[in-house]
Every structure is written in C-alpha cells, then in structure tokens.
Amino acid sequence: MNVQTGVSSFVRQALSYIDEHYSEAITVDELAKSCCVSKSHLQRAFRMGAGKTLVKVIQEKRTEKAKILLRSSNLAMIDVAVETGFNNRQHFTETFTKIVGISPSAYRKSKRNMLGAAAAFPSLPKENEGNRSLHYKGCPGFYPEEDAQEAAKEHTHAAAGTTDGIR
C-alpha cells in the first residue's frame, strides 16, 4: 500500500502492525491501543492519510497474502483463509472476490495455467544472445550480413547454372 508522505507516525505504526499481524484477528480497538490513540482518531487519520478505511486496508493485506498462498501452495481454501486471518471460508471468498474480481479458486486455476504455459514456452532469448535460429531466416532485414551472403551465393549458383548448390 502506498501511503502519502507526511502521514502521522501512528498511521505508519498501524500499517506496520497490520503487516506483522495480518494473520491474526485484528480489531480497531486493539490497533488504536497499540498506536496510543483513540479508535475514532485512528480511523479518521487513516482515511485521510491512506485514503482507505482501516478495515479495507486489512482486507487488502490479507488478500495479497492469500494470492501468494494460492499461487505457491496446495493448501485447501479453508486453510488459506485461516492462514491469512479470515475467520471462515465464505467471508474469505466474498472478500477476495470483491477485491480481486474473481474467486480464490478461479484465481488459483488461472495462475496455475499461466505457470504451466510459462513452463511449456520458456521466454525467448533476448536480442544479441546469439540464438538466431528463432528468427525466420527468409525474412529480409533480420540479419543483413547473412542476407547479403545468401544473395551472393544465389548469384554464384545462378551464374554456374545450379540451384542451391545442386547440379
């Protein structure tokens, strides 16, 4: 989460607390006490400083952590929910879907499909890595020096009455 510069220290302290305790039950009262401010003052300062409600920030943090688990583990949905601080699977699914735009199971499936595609089609070498076999040789302009050599060969063969070196 990007927080504007100049945000009060207790808002930064609250964000740090959320980062460390997202998997636990976090109440606004508990968070306010940890920052030594009143509940209403913390909520107001949070909306002004972070541009979001405290509850929204906690939900977004938990959802980001859930996305990591969905991509990298085979945990059951209820286990992902519990690991990321949601109190039940239904609440987890509703919150995740609202924030991400798709359900947790659809997210997991789409990310696994993407990972499978990445394994099946590893990234192509960058230019200048010397692997010219990936380029279509018949396309003029890829390698002008090779195109010139090929043209010279064809000219030599045509003058000798051969095609591609075959008599």
Foldseek 3Di string as FASTA:
>chain_A
DDWDPPQDPLLVVLLVVLLVQLLADDDLCNSCVVSVHHSVVNQVSCCVTVVDGPVLSSLVSLLVQLLVCLQPHPDDQQVSCNRRHHPGSVVNQVSNCVVVVDGSVVSSVVNVVVVVVCVVPPDDDDPPPPPPVVDDPVDPPPDPVVVVVVVVVQVVQVVVVHDPPHD
